Amino acid sequence: TIAAACARLTSPQKTGMGGLFRVIGFAAPSLGP
């Protein structure tokens, strides 16, 4: 169950969320990466 859940969160395949979902960050310019 744990392995299947992680695969769903990270897989780039159509059945997964890993490719369609994206992540972006905003920050104070002084903060760095």
Full PDB file with SEQRES, HELIX, SHEET, SSBOND, CRYST1, ORIGX, SCALE, CONECT and MASTER records, all heavy atoms in Angstrom:
SEQRES   1 A   33  THR ILE ALA ALA ALA CYS ALA ARG LEU THR SER PRO GLN          
SEQRES   2 A   33  LYS THR GLY MET GLY GLY LEU PHE ARG VAL ILE GLY PHE          
SEQRES   3 A   33  ALA ALA PRO SER LEU GLY PRO                                  
HELIX    1 AA1 ILE A    2  THR A   10  1                                   9    
HELIX    2 AA2 PRO A   29  LEU A   31  5                                   3    
CRYST1    1.000    1.000    1.000  90.00  90.00  90.00 P 1           1          
ORIGX1      1.000000  0.000000  0.000000        0.00000                         
ORIGX2      0.000000  1.000000  0.000000        0.00000                         
ORIGX3      0.000000  0.000000  1.000000        0.00000                         
SCALE1      1.000000  0.000000  0.000000        0.00000                         
SCALE2      0.000000  1.000000  0.000000        0.00000                         
SCALE3      0.000000  0.000000  1.000000        0.00000                         
ATOM      1  N   THR A   1       0.832  -1.209   0.000  1.00  0.00           N  
ATOM      2  CA  THR A   1       0.000   0.000   0.000  1.00  0.00           C  
ATOM      3  C   THR A   1       0.862   1.253   0.000  1.00  0.00           C  
ATOM      4  O   THR A   1       0.593   2.215  -0.733  1.00  0.00           O  
ATOM      5  CB  THR A   1      -0.926   0.013   1.221  1.00  0.00           C  
ATOM      6  OG1 THR A   1      -1.756  -1.150   1.203  1.00  0.00           O  
ATOM      7  CG2 THR A   1      -1.801   1.254   1.231  1.00  0.00           C  
ATOM      8  N   ILE A   2       1.922   1.234   0.820  1.00  0.00           N  
ATOM      9  CA  ILE A   2       2.830   2.380   0.888  1.00  0.00           C  
ATOM     10  C   ILE A   2       3.526   2.589  -0.445  1.00  0.00           C  
ATOM     11  O   ILE A   2       3.634   3.712  -0.946  1.00  0.00           O  
ATOM     12  CB  ILE A   2       3.857   2.175   2.017  1.00  0.00           C  
ATOM     13  CG1 ILE A   2       3.151   2.177   3.381  1.00  0.00           C  
ATOM     14  CG2 ILE A   2       4.947   3.255   1.970  1.00  0.00           C  
ATOM     15  CD1 ILE A   2       4.023   1.705   4.530  1.00  0.00           C  
ATOM     16  N   ALA A   3       3.985   1.506  -1.046  1.00  0.00           N  
ATOM     17  CA  ALA A   3       4.675   1.604  -2.333  1.00  0.00           C  
ATOM     18  C   ALA A   3       3.740   2.126  -3.421  1.00  0.00           C  
ATOM     19  O   ALA A   3       4.128   2.963  -4.250  1.00  0.00           O  
ATOM     20  CB  ALA A   3       5.235   0.237  -2.730  1.00  0.00           C  
ATOM     21  N   ALA A   4       2.503   1.657  -3.423  1.00  0.00           N  
ATOM     22  CA  ALA A   4       1.537   2.099  -4.429  1.00  0.00           C  
ATOM     23  C   ALA A   4       1.225   3.589  -4.274  1.00  0.00           C  
ATOM     24  O   ALA A   4       1.099   4.317  -5.269  1.00  0.00           O  
ATOM     25  CB  ALA A   4       0.259   1.279  -4.320  1.00  0.00           C  
ATOM     26  N   ALA A   5       1.106   4.044  -3.036  1.00  0.00           N  
ATOM     27  CA  ALA A   5       0.817   5.459  -2.788  1.00  0.00           C  
ATOM     28  C   ALA A   5       1.967   6.338  -3.261  1.00  0.00           C  
ATOM     29  O   ALA A   5       1.743   7.380  -3.904  1.00  0.00           O  
ATOM     30  CB  ALA A   5       0.545   5.685  -1.313  1.00  0.00           C  
ATOM     31  N   CYS A   6       3.186   5.925  -2.957  1.00  0.00           N  
ATOM     32  CA  CYS A   6       4.345   6.713  -3.385  1.00  0.00           C  
ATOM     33  C   CYS A   6       4.466   6.737  -4.907  1.00  0.00           C  
ATOM     34  O   CYS A   6       4.819   7.768  -5.493  1.00  0.00           O  
ATOM     35  CB  CYS A   6       5.614   6.150  -2.765  1.00  0.00           C  
ATOM     36  SG  CYS A   6       5.732   6.461  -0.996  1.00  0.00           S  
ATOM     37  N   ALA A   7       4.160   5.609  -5.534  1.00  0.00           N  
ATOM     38  CA  ALA A   7       4.200   5.567  -6.992  1.00  0.00           C  
ATOM     39  C   ALA A   7       3.173   6.517  -7.594  1.00  0.00           C  
ATOM     40  O   ALA A   7       3.434   7.205  -8.584  1.00  0.00           O  
ATOM     41  CB  ALA A   7       3.956   4.141  -7.477  1.00  0.00           C  
ATOM     42  N   ARG A   8       2.006   6.570  -6.985  1.00  0.00           N  
ATOM     43  CA  ARG A   8       0.964   7.469  -7.497  1.00  0.00           C  
ATOM     44  C   ARG A   8       1.395   8.931  -7.360  1.00  0.00           C  
ATOM     45  O   ARG A   8       1.108   9.758  -8.224  1.00  0.00           O  
ATOM     46  CB  ARG A   8      -0.340   7.237  -6.745  1.00  0.00           C  
ATOM     47  CG  ARG A   8      -1.524   8.018  -7.295  1.00  0.00           C  
ATOM     48  CD  ARG A   8      -2.803   7.637  -6.596  1.00  0.00           C  
ATOM     49  NE  ARG A   8      -3.921   8.471  -7.032  1.00  0.00           N  
ATOM     50  CZ  ARG A   8      -5.133   8.455  -6.493  1.00  0.00           C  
ATOM     51  NH1 ARG A   8      -5.376   7.617  -5.487  1.00  0.00           N  
ATOM     52  NH2 ARG A   8      -6.081   9.257  -6.938  1.00  0.00           N  
ATOM     53  N   LEU A   9       2.085   9.260  -6.284  1.00  0.00           N  
ATOM     54  CA  LEU A   9       2.516  10.635  -6.067  1.00  0.00           C  
ATOM     55  C   LEU A   9       3.651  11.061  -6.990  1.00  0.00           C  
ATOM     56  O   LEU A   9       3.777  12.250  -7.314  1.00  0.00           O  
ATOM     57  CB  LEU A   9       2.968  10.819  -4.616  1.00  0.00           C  
ATOM     58  CG  LEU A   9       1.892  10.751  -3.538  1.00  0.00           C  
ATOM     59  CD1 LEU A   9       2.531  10.783  -2.161  1.00  0.00           C  
ATOM     60  CD2 LEU A   9       0.905  11.909  -3.683  1.00  0.00           C  
ATOM     61  N   THR A  10       4.479  10.107  -7.426  1.00  0.00           N  
ATOM     62  CA  THR A  10       5.701  10.464  -8.159  1.00  0.00           C  
ATOM     63  C   THR A  10       5.733  10.006  -9.610  1.00  0.00           C  
ATOM     64  O   THR A  10       6.553  10.501 -10.383  1.00  0.00           O  
ATOM     65  CB  THR A  10       6.935   9.871  -7.452  1.00  0.00           C  
ATOM     66  OG1 THR A  10       6.808   8.435  -7.393  1.00  0.00           O  
ATOM     67  CG2 THR A  10       7.069  10.421  -6.040  1.00  0.00           C  
ATOM     68  N   SER A  11       4.873   9.080 -10.001  1.00  0.00           N  
ATOM     69  CA  SER A  11       4.957   8.518 -11.354  1.00  0.00           C  
ATOM     70  C   SER A  11       4.613   9.563 -12.413  1.00  0.00           C  
ATOM     71  O   SER A  11       3.630  10.297 -12.286  1.00  0.00           O  
ATOM     72  CB  SER A  11       4.010   7.334 -11.489  1.00  0.00           C  
ATOM     73  OG  SER A  11       3.958   6.902 -12.853  1.00  0.00           O  
ATOM     74  N   PRO A  12       5.410   9.613 -13.506  1.00  0.00           N  
ATOM     75  CA  PRO A  12       5.088  10.521 -14.604  1.00  0.00           C  
ATOM     76  C   PRO A  12       4.031   9.965 -15.543  1.00  0.00           C  
ATOM     77  O   PRO A  12       3.614  10.652 -16.479  1.00  0.00           O  
ATOM     78  CB  PRO A  12       6.439  10.665 -15.326  1.00  0.00           C  
ATOM     79  CG  PRO A  12       7.123   9.348 -15.089  1.00  0.00           C  
ATOM     80  CD  PRO A  12       6.692   8.913 -13.704  1.00  0.00           C  
ATOM     81  N   GLN A  13       3.594   8.726 -15.307  1.00  0.00           N  
ATOM     82  CA  GLN A  13       2.589   8.116 -16.168  1.00  0.00           C  
ATOM     83  C   GLN A  13       1.231   8.774 -15.962  1.00  0.00           C  
ATOM     84  O   GLN A  13       0.999   9.493 -14.993  1.00  0.00           O  
ATOM     85  CB  GLN A  13       2.502   6.610 -15.875  1.00  0.00           C  
ATOM     86  CG  GLN A  13       3.815   5.858 -16.044  1.00  0.00           C  
ATOM     87  CD  GLN A  13       4.406   6.024 -17.433  1.00  0.00           C  
ATOM     88  OE1 GLN A  13       3.689   5.957 -18.437  1.00  0.00           O  
ATOM     89  NE2 GLN A  13       5.718   6.247 -17.499  1.00  0.00           N  
ATOM     90  N   LYS A  14       0.301   8.499 -16.863  1.00  0.00           N  
ATOM     91  CA  LYS A  14      -1.015   9.132 -16.833  1.00  0.00           C  
ATOM     92  C   LYS A  14      -1.763   8.837 -15.538  1.00  0.00           C  
ATOM     93  O   LYS A  14      -2.560   9.663 -15.063  1.00  0.00           O  
ATOM     94  CB  LYS A  14      -1.829   8.655 -18.039  1.00  0.00           C  
ATOM     95  CG  LYS A  14      -3.108   9.438 -18.267  1.00  0.00           C  
ATOM     96  CD  LYS A  14      -3.783   9.021 -19.561  1.00  0.00           C  
ATOM     97  CE  LYS A  14      -5.053   9.847 -19.801  1.00  0.00           C  
ATOM     98  NZ  LYS A  14      -5.723   9.486 -21.074  1.00  0.00           N  
ATOM     99  N   THR A  15      -1.524   7.670 -14.952  1.00  0.00           N  
ATOM    100  CA  THR A  15      -2.214   7.289 -13.723  1.00  0.00           C  
ATOM    101  C   THR A  15      -1.575   7.895 -12.475  1.00  0.00           C  
ATOM    102  O   THR A  15      -2.101   7.742 -11.370  1.00  0.00           O  
ATOM    103  CB  THR A  15      -2.230   5.757 -13.571  1.00  0.00           C  
ATOM    104  OG1 THR A  15      -0.881   5.273 -13.649  1.00  0.00           O  
ATOM    105  CG2 THR A  15      -3.062   5.120 -14.678  1.00  0.00           C  
ATOM    106  N   GLY A  16      -0.431   8.566 -12.645  1.00  0.00           N  
ATOM    107  CA  GLY A  16       0.265   9.156 -11.513  1.00  0.00           C  
ATOM    108  C   GLY A  16       0.176  10.674 -11.517  1.00  0.00           C  
ATOM    109  O   GLY A  16      -0.322  11.296 -12.457  1.00  0.00           O  
ATOM    110  N   MET A  17       0.667  11.269 -10.432  1.00  0.00           N  
ATOM    111  CA  MET A  17       0.640  12.721 -10.278  1.00  0.00           C  
ATOM    112  C   MET A  17       2.013  13.346 -10.475  1.00  0.00           C  
ATOM    113  O   MET A  17       2.153  14.572 -10.456  1.00  0.00           O  
ATOM    114  CB  MET A  17       0.128  13.070  -8.872  1.00  0.00           C  
ATOM    115  CG  MET A  17      -1.243  12.500  -8.539  1.00  0.00           C  
ATOM    116  SD  MET A  17      -1.680  12.690  -6.785  1.00  0.00           S  
ATOM    117  CE  MET A  17      -1.907  14.462  -6.688  1.00  0.00           C  
ATOM    118  N   GLY A  18       3.022  12.528 -10.671  1.00  0.00           N  
ATOM    119  CA  GLY A  18       4.401  13.019 -10.667  1.00  0.00           C  
ATOM    120  C   GLY A  18       4.766  13.908 -11.819  1.00  0.00           C  
ATOM    121  O   GLY A  18       5.642  14.776 -11.684  1.00  0.00           O  
ATOM    122  N   GLY A  19       4.123  13.737 -12.970  1.00  0.00           N  
ATOM    123  CA  GLY A  19       4.457  14.544 -14.131  1.00  0.00           C  
ATOM    124  C   GLY A  19       3.505  15.691 -14.368  1.00  0.00           C  
ATOM    125  O   GLY A  19       3.916  16.804 -14.709  1.00  0.00           O  
ATOM    126  N   LEU A  20       2.208  15.449 -14.187  1.00  0.00           N  
ATOM    127  CA  LEU A  20       1.210  16.490 -14.433  1.00  0.00           C  
ATOM    128  C   LEU A  20       1.268  17.587 -13.375  1.00  0.00           C  
ATOM    129  O   LEU A  20       1.102  18.772 -13.670  1.00  0.00           O  
ATOM    130  CB  LEU A  20      -0.187  15.871 -14.458  1.00  0.00           C  
ATOM    131  CG  LEU A  20      -1.361  16.840 -14.624  1.00  0.00           C  
ATOM    132  CD1 LEU A  20      -1.242  17.622 -15.933  1.00  0.00           C  
ATOM    133  CD2 LEU A  20      -2.695  16.091 -14.567  1.00  0.00           C  
ATOM    134  N   PHE A  21       1.523  17.198 -12.118  1.00  0.00           N  
ATOM    135  CA  PHE A  21       1.592  18.188 -11.034  1.00  0.00           C  
ATOM    136  C   PHE A  21       2.978  18.825 -11.003  1.00  0.00           C  
ATOM    137  O   PHE A  21       3.986  18.137 -11.194  1.00  0.00           O  
ATOM    138  CB  PHE A  21       1.288  17.529  -9.688  1.00  0.00           C  
ATOM    139  CG  PHE A  21      -0.176  17.342  -9.433  1.00  0.00           C  
ATOM    140  CD1 PHE A  21      -0.902  16.409 -10.150  1.00  0.00           C  
ATOM    141  CD2 PHE A  21      -0.833  18.110  -8.489  1.00  0.00           C  
ATOM    142  CE1 PHE A  21      -2.262  16.236  -9.931  1.00  0.00           C  
ATOM    143  CE2 PHE A  21      -2.191  17.946  -8.260  1.00  0.00           C  
ATOM    144  CZ  PHE A  21      -2.914  17.008  -8.991  1.00  0.00           C  
ATOM    145  N   ARG A  22       2.994  20.128 -10.742  1.00  0.00           N  
ATOM    146  CA  ARG A  22       4.249  20.880 -10.714  1.00  0.00           C  
ATOM    147  C   ARG A  22       4.346  21.683  -9.422  1.00  0.00           C  
ATOM    148  O   ARG A  22       3.341  21.925  -8.744  1.00  0.00           O  
ATOM    149  CB  ARG A  22       4.355  21.796 -11.938  1.00  0.00           C  
ATOM    150  CG  ARG A  22       4.320  21.022 -13.238  1.00  0.00           C  
ATOM    151  CD  ARG A  22       4.350  21.921 -14.464  1.00  0.00           C  
ATOM    152  NE  ARG A  22       4.125  21.138 -15.665  1.00  0.00           N  
ATOM    153  CZ  ARG A  22       5.063  20.474 -16.319  1.00  0.00           C  
ATOM    154  NH1 ARG A  22       6.310  20.525 -15.880  1.00  0.00           N  
ATOM    155  NH2 ARG A  22       4.775  19.771 -17.401  1.00  0.00           N  
ATOM    156  N   VAL A  23       5.565  22.105  -9.127  1.00  0.00           N  
ATOM    157  CA  VAL A  23       5.845  22.820  -7.875  1.00  0.00           C  
ATOM    158  C   VAL A  23       6.646  24.071  -8.198  1.00  0.00           C  
ATOM    159  O   VAL A  23       7.628  24.014  -8.943  1.00  0.00           O  
ATOM    160  CB  VAL A  23       6.638  21.931  -6.896  1.00  0.00           C  
ATOM    161  CG1 VAL A  23       6.810  22.636  -5.553  1.00  0.00           C  
ATOM    162  CG2 VAL A  23       5.960  20.572  -6.715  1.00  0.00           C  
ATOM    163  N   ILE A  24       6.225  25.203  -7.637  1.00  0.00           N  
ATOM    164  CA  ILE A  24       6.938  26.465  -7.831  1.00  0.00           C  
ATOM    165  C   ILE A  24       7.034  27.156  -6.481  1.00  0.00           C  
ATOM    166  O   ILE A  24       6.150  27.014  -5.625  1.00  0.00           O  
ATOM    167  CB  ILE A  24       6.205  27.347  -8.868  1.00  0.00           C  
ATOM    168  CG1 ILE A  24       7.080  28.500  -9.329  1.00  0.00           C  
ATOM    169  CG2 ILE A  24       4.874  27.864  -8.327  1.00  0.00           C  
ATOM    170  CD1 ILE A  24       6.517  29.251 -10.534  1.00  0.00           C  
ATOM    171  N   GLY A  25       8.117  27.885  -6.286  1.00  0.00           N  
ATOM    172  CA  GLY A  25       8.323  28.600  -5.027  1.00  0.00           C  
ATOM    173  C   GLY A  25       8.551  30.081  -5.258  1.00  0.00           C  
ATOM    174  O   GLY A  25       9.194  30.472  -6.237  1.00  0.00           O  
ATOM    175  N   PHE A  26       8.023  30.910  -4.360  1.00  0.00           N  
ATOM    176  CA  PHE A  26       8.262  32.345  -4.349  1.00  0.00           C  
ATOM    177  C   PHE A  26       8.943  32.692  -3.031  1.00  0.00           C  
ATOM    178  O   PHE A  26       8.643  32.094  -1.999  1.00  0.00           O  
ATOM    179  CB  PHE A  26       6.956  33.147  -4.445  1.00  0.00           C  
ATOM    180  CG  PHE A  26       6.033  32.721  -5.562  1.00  0.00           C  
ATOM    181  CD1 PHE A  26       4.663  32.707  -5.370  1.00  0.00           C  
ATOM    182  CD2 PHE A  26       6.533  32.336  -6.791  1.00  0.00           C  
ATOM    183  CE1 PHE A  26       3.797  32.329  -6.381  1.00  0.00           C  
ATOM    184  CE2 PHE A  26       5.686  31.956  -7.819  1.00  0.00           C  
ATOM    185  CZ  PHE A  26       4.314  31.946  -7.616  1.00  0.00           C  
ATOM    186  N   ALA A  27       9.830  33.670  -3.063  1.00  0.00           N  
ATOM    187  CA  ALA A  27      10.543  34.000  -1.828  1.00  0.00           C  
ATOM    188  C   ALA A  27      11.078  35.418  -1.867  1.00  0.00           C  
ATOM    189  O   ALA A  27      11.134  36.066  -2.920  1.00  0.00           O  
ATOM    190  CB  ALA A  27      11.689  33.019  -1.608  1.00  0.00           C  
ATOM    191  N   ALA A  28      11.490  35.877  -0.688  1.00  0.00           N  
ATOM    192  CA  ALA A  28      12.201  37.149  -0.606  1.00  0.00           C  
ATOM    193  C   ALA A  28      13.496  37.015  -1.406  1.00  0.00           C  
ATOM    194  O   ALA A  28      14.176  35.988  -1.329  1.00  0.00           O  
ATOM    195  CB  ALA A  28      12.504  37.473   0.851  1.00  0.00           C  
ATOM    196  N   PRO A  29      13.856  38.028  -2.195  1.00  0.00           N  
ATOM    197  CA  PRO A  29      15.061  37.929  -3.042  1.00  0.00           C  
ATOM    198  C   PRO A  29      16.323  37.591  -2.262  1.00  0.00           C  
ATOM    199  O   PRO A  29      17.228  36.948  -2.793  1.00  0.00           O  
ATOM    200  CB  PRO A  29      15.145  39.321  -3.677  1.00  0.00           C  
ATOM    201  CG  PRO A  29      13.751  39.840  -3.662  1.00  0.00           C  
ATOM    202  CD  PRO A  29      13.137  39.302  -2.401  1.00  0.00           C  
ATOM    203  N   SER A  30      16.414  38.023  -1.005  1.00  0.00           N  
ATOM    204  CA  SER A  30      17.611  37.780  -0.201  1.00  0.00           C  
ATOM    205  C   SER A  30      17.721  36.354   0.311  1.00  0.00           C  
ATOM    206  O   SER A  30      18.758  35.970   0.855  1.00  0.00           O  
ATOM    207  CB  SER A  30      17.625  38.739   0.992  1.00  0.00           C  
ATOM    208  OG  SER A  30      16.474  38.529   1.805  1.00  0.00           O  
ATOM    209  N   LEU A  31      16.665  35.566   0.156  1.00  0.00           N  
ATOM    210  CA  LEU A  31      16.629  34.257   0.801  1.00  0.00           C  
ATOM    211  C   LEU A  31      17.516  33.229   0.106  1.00  0.00           C  
ATOM    212  O   LEU A  31      18.016  32.303   0.745  1.00  0.00           O  
ATOM    213  CB  LEU A  31      15.180  33.744   0.846  1.00  0.00           C  
ATOM    214  CG  LEU A  31      14.862  32.699   1.905  1.00  0.00           C  
ATOM    215  CD1 LEU A  31      15.207  33.205   3.289  1.00  0.00           C  
ATOM    216  CD2 LEU A  31      13.379  32.321   1.841  1.00  0.00           C  
ATOM    217  N   GLY A  32      17.712  33.357  -1.199  1.00  0.00           N  
ATOM    218  CA  GLY A  32      18.487  32.360  -1.927  1.00  0.00           C  
ATOM    219  C   GLY A  32      17.608  31.221  -2.383  1.00  0.00           C  
ATOM    220  O   GLY A  32      16.398  31.207  -2.127  1.00  0.00           O  
ATOM    221  N   PRO A  33      18.176  30.220  -3.059  1.00  0.00           N  
ATOM    222  CA  PRO A  33      17.387  29.114  -3.620  1.00  0.00           C  
ATOM    223  C   PRO A  33      16.603  28.360  -2.551  1.00  0.00           C  
ATOM    224  O   PRO A  33      17.128  28.049  -1.485  1.00  0.00           O  
ATOM    225  CB  PRO A  33      18.454  28.216  -4.258  1.00  0.00           C  
ATOM    226  CG  PRO A  33      19.632  29.102  -4.479  1.00  0.00           C  
ATOM    227  CD  PRO A  33      19.607  30.089  -3.371  1.00  0.00           C  
TER     228      PRO A  33                                                      
MASTER        0    0    0    2    0    0    0    6  227    1    0    3          
END                                                                             
